[in-house]
Amino acid sequence: MVQAIININKKANRILNIVKAKYDLKNKSEAINIVTEEYAEEILEPQLRPEYIKKLGKIKKEKSVKVGSLGNLRKRYEMK
């Protein structure tokens, strides 16, 4: 575990207190961990996530479909 001394503003402190209360956490360190995990899930680009790499691998293994022209593609997937 890494220890750090940080300076946060009043708003960030309030947010950490809310997260701490919401998840019934023991300290603000746990609240920071929760906030950073949610940030990683919501904000980080998908190519940085391990599950994206797995999904990309599955897509690469799929067989491509030759449709020819744009007209053929439209005919193939046109709703009737």
PDB file of N, CA and C in Angstrom:
ATOM      1  N   MET A   1       0.849  -1.171   0.000  1.00  0.00           N
ATOM      2  CA  MET A   1       0.000   0.000   0.000  1.00  0.00           C
ATOM      3  C   MET A   1       0.897   1.237   0.000  1.00  0.00           C
ATOM      4  N   VAL A   2       0.498   2.248  -0.741  1.00  0.00           N
ATOM      5  CA  VAL A   2       1.233   3.493  -0.844  1.00  0.00           C
ATOM      6  C   VAL A   2       0.592   4.516   0.083  1.00  0.00           C
ATOM      7  N   GLN A   3       1.418   5.252   0.793  1.00  0.00           N
ATOM      8  CA  GLN A   3       0.910   6.317   1.644  1.00  0.00           C
ATOM      9  C   GLN A   3       1.250   7.650   1.002  1.00  0.00           C
ATOM     10  N   ALA A   4       0.325   8.613   1.126  1.00  0.00           N
ATOM     11  CA  ALA A   4       0.547   9.929   0.545  1.00  0.00           C
ATOM     12  C   ALA A   4      -0.100  10.989   1.428  1.00  0.00           C
ATOM     13  N   ILE A   5       0.562  12.108   1.508  1.00  0.00           N
ATOM     14  CA  ILE A   5      -0.026  13.266   2.171  1.00  0.00           C
ATOM     15  C   ILE A   5      -0.547  14.154   1.053  1.00  0.00           C
ATOM     16  N   ILE A   6      -1.838  14.469   1.090  1.00  0.00           N
ATOM     17  CA  ILE A   6      -2.441  15.244   0.012  1.00  0.00           C
ATOM     18  C   ILE A   6      -3.134  16.479   0.565  1.00  0.00           C
ATOM     19  N   ASN A   7      -3.240  17.473  -0.273  1.00  0.00           N
ATOM     20  CA  ASN A   7      -4.005  18.677   0.053  1.00  0.00           C
ATOM     21  C   ASN A   7      -5.222  18.700  -0.857  1.00  0.00           C
ATOM     22  N   ILE A   8      -6.410  18.780  -0.274  1.00  0.00           N
ATOM     23  CA  ILE A   8      -7.637  18.842  -1.059  1.00  0.00           C
ATOM     24  C   ILE A   8      -8.431  20.066  -0.634  1.00  0.00           C
ATOM     25  N   ASN A   9      -9.263  20.537  -1.552  1.00  0.00           N
ATOM     26  CA  ASN A   9     -10.087  21.705  -1.212  1.00  0.00           C
ATOM     27  C   ASN A   9     -11.323  21.266  -0.428  1.00  0.00           C
ATOM     28  N   LYS A  10     -12.107  22.239   0.024  1.00  0.00           N
ATOM     29  CA  LYS A  10     -13.277  21.941   0.864  1.00  0.00           C
ATOM     30  C   LYS A  10     -14.311  21.100   0.128  1.00  0.00           C
ATOM     31  N   LYS A  11     -14.500  21.395  -1.157  1.00  0.00           N
ATOM     32  CA  LYS A  11     -15.495  20.657  -1.940  1.00  0.00           C
ATOM     33  C   LYS A  11     -15.094  19.185  -2.065  1.00  0.00           C
ATOM     34  N   ALA A  12     -13.828  18.932  -2.365  1.00  0.00           N
ATOM     35  CA  ALA A  12     -13.346  17.553  -2.470  1.00  0.00           C
ATOM     36  C   ALA A  12     -13.480  16.837  -1.130  1.00  0.00           C
ATOM     37  N   ASN A  13     -13.203  17.542  -0.053  1.00  0.00           N
ATOM     38  CA  ASN A  13     -13.340  16.966   1.278  1.00  0.00           C
ATOM     39  C   ASN A  13     -14.788  16.573   1.557  1.00  0.00           C
ATOM     40  N   ARG A  14     -15.732  17.447   1.174  1.00  0.00           N
ATOM     41  CA  ARG A  14     -17.157  17.126   1.362  1.00  0.00           C
ATOM     42  C   ARG A  14     -17.555  15.907   0.557  1.00  0.00           C
ATOM     43  N   ILE A  15     -17.073  15.847  -0.681  1.00  0.00           N
ATOM     44  CA  ILE A  15     -17.406  14.706  -1.542  1.00  0.00           C
ATOM     45  C   ILE A  15     -16.868  13.414  -0.930  1.00  0.00           C
ATOM     46  N   LEU A  16     -15.650  13.453  -0.443  1.00  0.00           N
ATOM     47  CA  LEU A  16     -15.080  12.254   0.193  1.00  0.00           C
ATOM     48  C   LEU A  16     -15.862  11.854   1.433  1.00  0.00           C
ATOM     49  N   ASN A  17     -16.314  12.842   2.205  1.00  0.00           N
ATOM     50  CA  ASN A  17     -17.137  12.532   3.384  1.00  0.00           C
ATOM     51  C   ASN A  17     -18.463  11.897   2.978  1.00  0.00           C
ATOM     52  N   ILE A  18     -19.056  12.372   1.880  1.00  0.00           N
ATOM     53  CA  ILE A  18     -20.320  11.788   1.393  1.00  0.00           C
ATOM     54  C   ILE A  18     -20.096  10.349   0.945  1.00  0.00           C
ATOM     55  N   VAL A  19     -19.028  10.112   0.180  1.00  0.00           N
ATOM     56  CA  VAL A  19     -18.714   8.756  -0.283  1.00  0.00           C
ATOM     57  C   VAL A  19     -18.441   7.850   0.907  1.00  0.00           C
ATOM     58  N   LYS A  20     -17.707   8.363   1.862  1.00  0.00           N
ATOM     59  CA  LYS A  20     -17.394   7.601   3.078  1.00  0.00           C
ATOM     60  C   LYS A  20     -18.680   7.190   3.806  1.00  0.00           C
ATOM     61  N   ALA A  21     -19.616   8.117   3.936  1.00  0.00           N
ATOM     62  CA  ALA A  21     -20.882   7.819   4.614  1.00  0.00           C
ATOM     63  C   ALA A  21     -21.747   6.871   3.785  1.00  0.00           C
ATOM     64  N   LYS A  22     -21.813   7.116   2.488  1.00  0.00           N
ATOM     65  CA  LYS A  22     -22.661   6.304   1.607  1.00  0.00           C
ATOM     66  C   LYS A  22     -22.264   4.829   1.637  1.00  0.00           C
ATOM     67  N   TYR A  23     -20.964   4.562   1.601  1.00  0.00           N
ATOM     68  CA  TYR A  23     -20.484   3.187   1.559  1.00  0.00           C
ATOM     69  C   TYR A  23     -20.075   2.658   2.935  1.00  0.00           C
ATOM     70  N   ASP A  24     -20.344   3.431   3.982  1.00  0.00           N
ATOM     71  CA  ASP A  24     -20.018   3.046   5.355  1.00  0.00           C
ATOM     72  C   ASP A  24     -18.548   2.632   5.477  1.00  0.00           C
ATOM     73  N   LEU A  25     -17.676   3.534   5.037  1.00  0.00           N
ATOM     74  CA  LEU A  25     -16.246   3.270   5.044  1.00  0.00           C
ATOM     75  C   LEU A  25     -15.614   3.743   6.345  1.00  0.00           C
ATOM     76  N   LYS A  26     -14.454   3.204   6.659  1.00  0.00           N
ATOM     77  CA  LYS A  26     -13.769   3.549   7.903  1.00  0.00           C
ATOM     78  C   LYS A  26     -13.012   4.869   7.814  1.00  0.00           C
ATOM     79  N   ASN A  27     -12.462   5.160   6.622  1.00  0.00           N
ATOM     80  CA  ASN A  27     -11.657   6.377   6.496  1.00  0.00           C
ATOM     81  C   ASN A  27     -11.729   6.948   5.079  1.00  0.00           C
ATOM     82  N   LYS A  28     -11.119   8.104   4.905  1.00  0.00           N
ATOM     83  CA  LYS A  28     -11.151   8.776   3.609  1.00  0.00           C
ATOM     84  C   LYS A  28     -10.271   8.068   2.579  1.00  0.00           C
ATOM     85  N   SER A  29      -9.298   7.321   3.033  1.00  0.00           N
ATOM     86  CA  SER A  29      -8.465   6.558   2.092  1.00  0.00           C
ATOM     87  C   SER A  29      -9.321   5.571   1.309  1.00  0.00           C
ATOM     88  N   GLU A  30     -10.231   4.909   2.006  1.00  0.00           N
ATOM     89  CA  GLU A  30     -11.138   3.979   1.336  1.00  0.00           C
ATOM     90  C   GLU A  30     -12.058   4.731   0.389  1.00  0.00           C
ATOM     91  N   ALA A  31     -12.477   5.932   0.766  1.00  0.00           N
ATOM     92  CA  ALA A  31     -13.332   6.742  -0.097  1.00  0.00           C
ATOM     93  C   ALA A  31     -12.582   7.155  -1.365  1.00  0.00           C
ATOM     94  N   ILE A  32     -11.321   7.504  -1.208  1.00  0.00           N
ATOM     95  CA  ILE A  32     -10.505   7.858  -2.381  1.00  0.00           C
ATOM     96  C   ILE A  32     -10.381   6.661  -3.310  1.00  0.00           C
ATOM     97  N   ASN A  33     -10.211   5.467  -2.756  1.00  0.00           N
ATOM     98  CA  ASN A  33     -10.126   4.262  -3.584  1.00  0.00           C
ATOM     99  C   ASN A  33     -11.414   4.051  -4.372  1.00  0.00           C
ATOM    100  N   ILE A  34     -12.566   4.239  -3.728  1.00  0.00           N
ATOM    101  CA  ILE A  34     -13.856   4.079  -4.408  1.00  0.00           C
ATOM    102  C   ILE A  34     -13.989   5.093  -5.538  1.00  0.00           C
ATOM    103  N   VAL A  35     -13.674   6.342  -5.240  1.00  0.00           N
ATOM    104  CA  VAL A  35     -13.808   7.408  -6.243  1.00  0.00           C
ATOM    105  C   VAL A  35     -12.888   7.139  -7.436  1.00  0.00           C
ATOM    106  N   THR A  36     -11.662   6.727  -7.188  1.00  0.00           N
ATOM    107  CA  THR A  36     -10.743   6.480  -8.301  1.00  0.00           C
ATOM    108  C   THR A  36     -11.154   5.260  -9.115  1.00  0.00           C
ATOM    109  N   GLU A  37     -11.707   4.241  -8.478  1.00  0.00           N
ATOM    110  CA  GLU A  37     -12.190   3.076  -9.221  1.00  0.00           C
ATOM    111  C   GLU A  37     -13.347   3.469 -10.137  1.00  0.00           C
ATOM    112  N   GLU A  38     -14.277   4.269  -9.625  1.00  0.00           N
ATOM    113  CA  GLU A  38     -15.396   4.716 -10.454  1.00  0.00           C
ATOM    114  C   GLU A  38     -14.907   5.613 -11.582  1.00  0.00           C
ATOM    115  N   TYR A  39     -13.931   6.447 -11.307  1.00  0.00           N
ATOM    116  CA  TYR A  39     -13.346   7.304 -12.341  1.00  0.00           C
ATOM    117  C   TYR A  39     -12.762   6.443 -13.449  1.00  0.00           C
ATOM    118  N   ALA A  40     -12.045   5.415 -13.071  1.00  0.00           N
ATOM    119  CA  ALA A  40     -11.420   4.531 -14.057  1.00  0.00           C
ATOM    120  C   ALA A  40     -12.474   3.877 -14.939  1.00  0.00           C
ATOM    121  N   GLU A  41     -13.580   3.453 -14.352  1.00  0.00           N
ATOM    122  CA  GLU A  41     -14.632   2.791 -15.114  1.00  0.00           C
ATOM    123  C   GLU A  41     -15.354   3.755 -16.049  1.00  0.00           C
ATOM    124  N   GLU A  42     -15.588   4.979 -15.596  1.00  0.00           N
ATOM    125  CA  GLU A  42     -16.406   5.919 -16.342  1.00  0.00           C
ATOM    126  C   GLU A  42     -15.622   6.794 -17.312  1.00  0.00           C
ATOM    127  N   ILE A  43     -14.442   7.193 -16.953  1.00  0.00           N
ATOM    128  CA  ILE A  43     -13.755   8.227 -17.695  1.00  0.00           C
ATOM    129  C   ILE A  43     -12.634   7.712 -18.594  1.00  0.00           C
ATOM    130  N   LEU A  44     -11.875   6.746 -18.127  1.00  0.00           N
ATOM    131  CA  LEU A  44     -10.732   6.289 -18.910  1.00  0.00           C
ATOM    132  C   LEU A  44     -11.177   5.737 -20.249  1.00  0.00           C
ATOM    133  N   GLU A  45     -10.360   5.938 -21.239  1.00  0.00           N
ATOM    134  CA  GLU A  45     -10.683   5.470 -22.583  1.00  0.00           C
ATOM    135  C   GLU A  45     -10.770   3.952 -22.592  1.00  0.00           C
ATOM    136  N   PRO A  46     -11.700   3.418 -23.386  1.00  0.00           N
ATOM    137  CA  PRO A  46     -11.924   1.959 -23.371  1.00  0.00           C
ATOM    138  C   PRO A  46     -10.675   1.153 -23.715  1.00  0.00           C
ATOM    139  N   GLN A  47      -9.804   1.673 -24.580  1.00  0.00           N
ATOM    140  CA  GLN A  47      -8.633   0.887 -24.955  1.00  0.00           C
ATOM    141  C   GLN A  47      -7.660   0.701 -23.799  1.00  0.00           C
ATOM    142  N   LEU A  48      -7.872   1.417 -22.707  1.00  0.00           N
ATOM    143  CA  LEU A  48      -7.014   1.251 -21.543  1.00  0.00           C
ATOM    144  C   LEU A  48      -7.542   0.180 -20.592  1.00  0.00           C
ATOM    145  N   ARG A  49      -8.749  -0.281 -20.806  1.00  0.00           N
ATOM    146  CA  ARG A  49      -9.349  -1.270 -19.916  1.00  0.00           C
ATOM    147  C   ARG A  49      -9.056  -2.688 -20.400  1.00  0.00           C
ATOM    148  N   PRO A  50      -8.740  -3.598 -19.475  1.00  0.00           N
ATOM    149  CA  PRO A  50      -8.439  -4.983 -19.862  1.00  0.00           C
ATOM    150  C   PRO A  50      -9.605  -5.670 -20.575  1.00  0.00           C
ATOM    151  N   GLU A  51     -10.847  -5.374 -20.159  1.00  0.00           N
ATOM    152  CA  GLU A  51     -11.992  -6.026 -20.808  1.00  0.00           C
ATOM    153  C   GLU A  51     -12.140  -5.591 -22.264  1.00  0.00           C
ATOM    154  N   TYR A  52     -11.657  -4.387 -22.598  1.00  0.00           N
ATOM    155  CA  TYR A  52     -11.687  -3.936 -23.978  1.00  0.00           C
ATOM    156  C   TYR A  52     -10.719  -4.763 -24.819  1.00  0.00           C
ATOM    157  N   ILE A  53      -9.570  -5.075 -24.278  1.00  0.00           N
ATOM    158  CA  ILE A  53      -8.577  -5.890 -24.994  1.00  0.00           C
ATOM    159  C   ILE A  53      -9.160  -7.273 -25.293  1.00  0.00           C
ATOM    160  N   LYS A  54      -9.867  -7.867 -24.319  1.00  0.00           N
ATOM    161  CA  LYS A  54     -10.493  -9.178 -24.535  1.00  0.00           C
ATOM    162  C   LYS A  54     -11.543  -9.079 -25.633  1.00  0.00           C
ATOM    163  N   LYS A  55     -12.367  -8.018 -25.583  1.00  0.00           N
ATOM    164  CA  LYS A  55     -13.417  -7.836 -26.587  1.00  0.00           C
ATOM    165  C   LYS A  55     -12.803  -7.650 -27.971  1.00  0.00           C
ATOM    166  N   LEU A  56     -11.727  -6.899 -28.051  1.00  0.00           N
ATOM    167  CA  LEU A  56     -11.051  -6.670 -29.317  1.00  0.00           C
ATOM    168  C   LEU A  56     -10.512  -7.971 -29.886  1.00  0.00           C
ATOM    169  N   GLY A  57      -9.978  -8.820 -29.011  1.00  0.00           N
ATOM    170  CA  GLY A  57      -9.486 -10.124 -29.447  1.00  0.00           C
ATOM    171  C   GLY A  57     -10.589 -10.979 -30.045  1.00  0.00           C
ATOM    172  N   LYS A  58     -11.777 -10.952 -29.428  1.00  0.00           N
ATOM    173  CA  LYS A  58     -12.911 -11.706 -29.960  1.00  0.00           C
ATOM    174  C   LYS A  58     -13.344 -11.170 -31.317  1.00  0.00           C
ATOM    175  N   ILE A  59     -13.340  -9.849 -31.452  1.00  0.00           N
ATOM    176  CA  ILE A  59     -13.743  -9.229 -32.724  1.00  0.00           C
ATOM    177  C   ILE A  59     -12.764  -9.609 -33.829  1.00  0.00           C
ATOM    178  N   LYS A  60     -11.468  -9.629 -33.504  1.00  0.00           N
ATOM    179  CA  LYS A  60     -10.454  -9.973 -34.502  1.00  0.00           C
ATOM    180  C   LYS A  60     -10.613 -11.402 -34.993  1.00  0.00           C
ATOM    181  N   LYS A  61     -11.124 -12.291 -34.134  1.00  0.00           N
ATOM    182  CA  LYS A  61     -11.292 -13.695 -34.504  1.00  0.00           C
ATOM    183  C   LYS A  61     -12.521 -13.931 -35.378  1.00  0.00           C
ATOM    184  N   GLU A  62     -13.460 -12.981 -35.398  1.00  0.00           N
ATOM    185  CA  GLU A  62     -14.678 -13.140 -36.186  1.00  0.00           C
ATOM    186  C   GLU A  62     -14.357 -13.112 -37.679  1.00  0.00           C
ATOM    187  N   LYS A  63     -15.128 -13.857 -38.416  1.00  0.00           N
ATOM    188  CA  LYS A  63     -14.942 -13.921 -39.865  1.00  0.00           C
ATOM    189  C   LYS A  63     -15.662 -12.735 -40.507  1.00  0.00           C
ATOM    190  N   SER A  64     -15.000 -12.107 -41.461  1.00  0.00           N
ATOM    191  CA  SER A  64     -15.611 -10.958 -42.134  1.00  0.00           C
ATOM    192  C   SER A  64     -16.618 -11.422 -43.181  1.00  0.00           C
ATOM    193  N   VAL A  65     -17.523 -10.542 -43.528  1.00  0.00           N
ATOM    194  CA  VAL A  65     -18.555 -10.837 -44.512  1.00  0.00           C
ATOM    195  C   VAL A  65     -18.351  -9.911 -45.698  1.00  0.00           C
ATOM    196  N   LYS A  66     -18.193 -10.477 -46.881  1.00  0.00           N
ATOM    197  CA  LYS A  66     -18.016  -9.666 -48.077  1.00  0.00           C
ATOM    198  C   LYS A  66     -19.389  -9.303 -48.621  1.00  0.00           C
ATOM    199  N   VAL A  67     -19.617  -8.010 -48.785  1.00  0.00           N
ATOM    200  CA  VAL A  67     -20.916  -7.560 -49.281  1.00  0.00           C
ATOM    201  C   VAL A  67     -20.807  -6.897 -50.652  1.00  0.00           C
ATOM    202  N   GLY A  68     -19.620  -6.550 -51.063  1.00  0.00           N
ATOM    203  CA  GLY A  68     -19.448  -5.928 -52.374  1.00  0.00           C
ATOM    204  C   GLY A  68     -19.643  -4.430 -52.297  1.00  0.00           C
ATOM    205  N   SER A  69     -20.729  -3.966 -52.857  1.00  0.00           N
ATOM    206  CA  SER A  69     -20.984  -2.524 -52.922  1.00  0.00           C
ATOM    207  C   SER A  69     -21.881  -2.068 -51.775  1.00  0.00           C
ATOM    208  N   LEU A  70     -22.023  -0.768 -51.661  1.00  0.00           N
ATOM    209  CA  LEU A  70     -22.910  -0.195 -50.655  1.00  0.00           C
ATOM    210  C   LEU A  70     -24.356  -0.606 -50.933  1.00  0.00           C
ATOM    211  N   GLY A  71     -24.718  -0.687 -52.192  1.00  0.00           N
ATOM    212  CA  GLY A  71     -26.061  -1.130 -52.559  1.00  0.00           C
ATOM    213  C   GLY A  71     -26.345  -2.540 -52.079  1.00  0.00           C
ATOM    214  N   ASN A  72     -25.355  -3.423 -52.234  1.00  0.00           N
ATOM    215  CA  ASN A  72     -25.508  -4.804 -51.749  1.00  0.00           C
ATOM    216  C   ASN A  72     -25.653  -4.846 -50.238  1.00  0.00           C
ATOM    217  N   LEU A  73     -24.891  -3.996 -49.548  1.00  0.00           N
ATOM    218  CA  LEU A  73     -24.982  -3.940 -48.100  1.00  0.00           C
ATOM    219  C   LEU A  73     -26.374  -3.499 -47.670  1.00  0.00           C
ATOM    220  N   ARG A  74     -26.904  -2.485 -48.328  1.00  0.00           N
ATOM    221  CA  ARG A  74     -28.251  -2.011 -48.002  1.00  0.00           C
ATOM    222  C   ARG A  74     -29.294  -3.097 -48.259  1.00  0.00           C
ATOM    223  N   LYS A  75     -29.155  -3.814 -49.370  1.00  0.00           N
ATOM    224  CA  LYS A  75     -30.103  -4.884 -49.678  1.00  0.00           C
ATOM    225  C   LYS A  75     -30.044  -5.984 -48.620  1.00  0.00           C
ATOM    226  N   ARG A  76     -28.832  -6.269 -48.176  1.00  0.00           N
ATOM    227  CA  ARG A  76     -28.631  -7.354 -47.216  1.00  0.00           C
ATOM    228  C   ARG A  76     -29.266  -7.041 -45.852  1.00  0.00           C
ATOM    229  N   TYR A  77     -29.159  -5.767 -45.415  1.00  0.00           N
ATOM    230  CA  TYR A  77     -29.619  -5.421 -44.084  1.00  0.00           C
ATOM    231  C   TYR A  77     -30.848  -4.519 -44.081  1.00  0.00           C
ATOM    232  N   GLU A  78     -31.487  -4.371 -45.227  1.00  0.00           N
ATOM    233  CA  GLU A  78     -32.677  -3.539 -45.320  1.00  0.00           C
ATOM    234  C   GLU A  78     -33.828  -4.203 -44.575  1.00  0.00           C
ATOM    235  N   MET A  79     -34.547  -3.405 -43.827  1.00  0.00           N
ATOM    236  CA  MET A  79     -35.696  -3.943 -43.097  1.00  0.00           C
ATOM    237  C   MET A  79     -36.881  -4.050 -44.041  1.00  0.00           C
ATOM    238  N   LYS A  80     -37.562  -5.152 -43.952  1.00  0.00           N
ATOM    239  CA  LYS A  80     -38.715  -5.380 -44.845  1.00  0.00           C
ATOM    240  C   LYS A  80     -39.997  -5.288 -44.097  1.00  0.00           C
TER     241      LYS A  80
END
